[in-house]
Amino acid sequence: MFNPKHILVPVAVAAPDDIAIAQNLVDTATDVARQTGAAMTIAYIEPLAIPTMPLDIGMMPPNAMEAMSSLRAANTAAAKKNLHDLLERAKKAGVRADARIAEATTGVGESIVHVADDAKCDLIIVSSHGRKGVSRLLLGSVAERTAHLSTVPVLLIHAG
C-alpha cells in the first residue's frame, strides 16, 4: 500500500472563480494527509511575468506596461491572501502544512513538477477542469502535463 509522506497540492487562487475548486482540492488532499499522516505543501504557480508573444512596444497604448505590472501585483496579492486562507483551512483540519508561491519559469505543469521535486513530495494531488475540444487545445491541460512529467504519483481530482 502506498503511504505518502509529503503531498503537493498545486492550486489556482488568483481568480475568484478558482477559490471553490482550490478549497475542494485542499479538502480532498487534507483527507488523504490525515489518513496517511503526510505533510502537505499547498503551492500557487504564478504565470510567466513576460508575455509569450512578441510585443511591438510602439503599438502599445501609453502606460500599458505599467497597467500590466499593476494587474500582476494585484493578482499576486489576491493569490497570497487566498493561499494563506487555504493553508489555515488545512492546519485547522489537523494537517502539517506549508504554502509557497513559485513563478513559472516554463510551463505551469513543469513548474509544479519542479516544486514537487524541490519540496521532496512523493504525491501530487491536482485538480483537472476536464476541458474538451477547442478550449483544451488552446489552454492545454496542466493536470495532464503534470502527470506526464512527474516522477511521483499524481492523483487527478475532477474540478466539477
Protein backbone atom coordinates (compact mmCIF):
# COMPACT_ATOMS: atom_id res chain seq x y z
CA MET A 1 0.00 0.00 0.00
CA PHE A 2 1.29 3.45 -0.96
CA ASN A 3 1.66 5.73 2.05
CA PRO A 4 2.75 9.24 1.05
CA LYS A 5 4.87 11.28 3.43
CA HIS A 6 4.58 14.68 1.71
CA ILE A 7 1.80 15.77 -0.64
CA LEU A 8 1.99 18.68 -3.08
CA VAL A 9 -1.32 20.42 -3.77
CA PRO A 10 -0.97 22.96 -6.61
CA VAL A 11 -3.86 25.42 -6.67
CA ALA A 12 -5.07 28.27 -8.85
CA VAL A 13 -6.07 31.07 -6.47
CA ALA A 14 -5.66 34.38 -8.29
CA ALA A 15 -9.16 34.47 -9.84
CA PRO A 16 -12.31 34.37 -7.66
CA ASP A 17 -13.73 31.52 -9.78
CA ASP A 18 -10.82 29.29 -8.76
CA ILE A 19 -11.34 29.53 -4.99
CA ALA A 20 -14.12 26.92 -4.66
CA ILE A 21 -12.11 24.48 -6.78
CA ALA A 22 -9.00 25.12 -4.66
CA GLN A 23 -10.97 24.63 -1.42
CA ASN A 24 -12.34 21.30 -2.68
CA LEU A 25 -8.87 20.20 -3.74
CA VAL A 26 -7.32 21.16 -0.39
CA ASP A 27 -10.14 19.39 1.49
CA THR A 28 -9.55 16.22 -0.55
CA ALA A 29 -5.78 16.40 -0.02
CA THR A 30 -6.34 17.07 3.68
CA ASP A 31 -8.38 13.86 3.95
CA VAL A 32 -5.55 11.91 2.32
CA ALA A 33 -2.94 13.58 4.53
CA ARG A 34 -4.88 12.84 7.73
CA GLN A 35 -5.34 9.17 6.75
CA THR A 36 -1.67 8.69 5.90
CA GLY A 37 -0.01 11.11 8.35
CA ALA A 38 1.52 13.02 5.45
CA ALA A 39 2.58 16.64 5.49
CA MET A 40 1.20 18.89 2.77
CA THR A 41 2.54 21.77 0.70
CA ILE A 42 -0.04 23.97 -0.99
CA ALA A 43 1.51 25.78 -3.94
CA TYR A 44 0.42 28.54 -6.28
CA ILE A 45 2.37 28.72 -9.52
CA GLU A 46 2.39 32.30 -10.74
CA PRO A 47 2.14 32.53 -14.54
CA LEU A 48 5.04 33.88 -16.55
CA ALA A 49 5.60 37.61 -15.99
CA ILE A 50 6.56 38.25 -19.60
CA PRO A 51 4.02 37.68 -22.36
CA THR A 52 4.85 34.69 -24.52
CA MET A 53 4.23 36.57 -27.76
CA PRO A 54 6.45 39.37 -29.01
CA LEU A 55 5.06 42.81 -28.35
CA ASP A 56 5.58 45.85 -30.51
CA ILE A 57 6.13 48.45 -27.80
CA GLY A 58 5.42 51.25 -30.30
CA MET A 59 1.92 49.85 -30.89
CA MET A 60 1.04 49.65 -27.19
CA PRO A 61 -1.08 52.34 -25.57
CA PRO A 62 0.74 54.68 -23.18
CA ASN A 63 1.21 53.18 -19.71
CA ALA A 64 0.25 49.68 -20.90
CA MET A 65 3.31 48.09 -19.30
CA GLU A 66 2.54 49.87 -16.02
CA ALA A 67 -1.06 48.66 -16.18
CA MET A 68 0.10 45.07 -16.81
CA SER A 69 2.50 45.35 -13.88
CA SER A 70 -0.24 46.70 -11.60
CA LEU A 71 -2.61 43.92 -12.62
CA ARG A 72 0.06 41.31 -11.92
CA ALA A 73 0.74 42.84 -8.49
CA ALA A 74 -2.98 42.80 -7.66
CA ASN A 75 -3.27 39.15 -8.78
CA THR A 76 -0.23 38.21 -6.68
CA ALA A 77 -1.67 39.95 -3.60
CA ALA A 78 -5.00 38.14 -4.04
CA ALA A 79 -3.20 34.84 -4.53
CA LYS A 80 -1.17 35.32 -1.33
CA LYS A 81 -4.30 36.05 0.70
CA ASN A 82 -6.21 33.11 -0.77
CA LEU A 83 -3.23 30.79 -0.35
CA HIS A 84 -2.96 31.83 3.32
CA ASP A 85 -6.68 31.05 3.80
CA LEU A 86 -6.21 27.59 2.25
CA LEU A 87 -3.20 26.95 4.47
CA GLU A 88 -5.22 27.84 7.57
CA ARG A 89 -8.01 25.54 6.35
CA ALA A 90 -5.59 22.59 6.19
CA LYS A 91 -3.99 23.41 9.55
CA LYS A 92 -7.39 23.67 11.26
CA ALA A 93 -8.10 20.16 9.97
CA GLY A 94 -5.00 18.96 11.82
CA VAL A 95 -2.58 18.60 8.90
CA ARG A 96 1.05 19.72 8.99
CA ALA A 97 1.06 22.12 6.07
CA ASP A 98 3.02 24.92 4.48
CA ALA A 99 2.42 27.10 1.45
CA ARG A 100 4.59 28.55 -1.25
CA ILE A 101 4.35 30.69 -4.33
CA ALA A 102 6.59 29.83 -7.25
CA GLU A 103 6.92 31.71 -10.51
CA ALA A 104 6.52 29.60 -13.62
CA THR A 105 9.80 29.67 -15.49
CA THR A 106 8.49 27.46 -18.28
CA GLY A 107 5.03 25.92 -18.31
CA VAL A 108 2.87 25.58 -15.23
CA GLY A 109 2.97 21.75 -15.36
CA GLU A 110 6.77 21.82 -15.50
CA SER A 111 6.86 24.26 -12.59
CA ILE A 112 4.56 22.06 -10.49
CA VAL A 113 6.90 19.11 -11.01
CA HIS A 114 9.87 21.30 -10.08
CA VAL A 115 8.18 22.42 -6.85
CA ALA A 116 7.34 18.78 -6.02
CA ASP A 117 10.98 17.79 -6.54
CA ASP A 118 12.25 20.77 -4.53
CA ALA A 119 9.89 20.07 -1.61
CA LYS A 120 10.63 16.32 -1.79
CA CYS A 121 6.96 15.45 -2.26
CA ASP A 122 6.07 11.86 -3.03
CA LEU A 123 2.49 12.53 -4.22
CA ILE A 124 0.88 15.35 -6.20
CA ILE A 125 -2.87 15.87 -5.91
CA VAL A 126 -4.05 18.19 -8.68
CA SER A 127 -7.40 19.34 -9.97
CA SER A 128 -8.47 18.76 -13.55
CA HIS A 129 -11.03 21.06 -15.13
CA GLY A 130 -11.95 18.43 -17.72
CA ARG A 131 -11.80 20.81 -20.68
CA LYS A 132 -12.64 19.37 -24.06
CA GLY A 133 -12.35 20.44 -27.65
CA VAL A 134 -11.06 23.87 -28.61
CA SER A 135 -10.61 25.15 -25.04
CA ARG A 136 -8.37 22.17 -24.25
CA LEU A 137 -6.44 22.71 -27.47
CA LEU A 138 -5.93 26.40 -26.69
CA LEU A 139 -5.44 26.17 -22.93
CA GLY A 140 -3.86 22.74 -22.68
CA SER A 141 -4.13 20.58 -19.62
CA VAL A 142 -1.90 21.49 -16.71
CA ALA A 143 -3.00 18.35 -14.87
CA GLU A 144 -2.18 16.14 -17.84
CA ARG A 145 1.20 17.80 -18.35
CA THR A 146 1.99 17.41 -14.65
CA ALA A 147 1.08 13.71 -14.71
CA HIS A 148 3.17 13.17 -17.84
CA LEU A 149 6.30 14.84 -16.41
CA SER A 150 6.10 13.76 -12.78
CA THR A 151 8.33 11.04 -11.38
CA VAL A 152 5.97 10.63 -8.39
CA PRO A 153 2.33 9.51 -8.45
CA VAL A 154 -0.26 12.12 -9.45
CA LEU A 155 -3.84 11.90 -8.24
CA LEU A 156 -6.23 13.81 -10.51
CA ILE A 157 -9.37 15.21 -8.90
CA HIS A 158 -12.13 16.41 -11.22
CA ALA A 159 -12.94 20.05 -10.51
CA GLY A 160 -16.61 19.84 -11.42
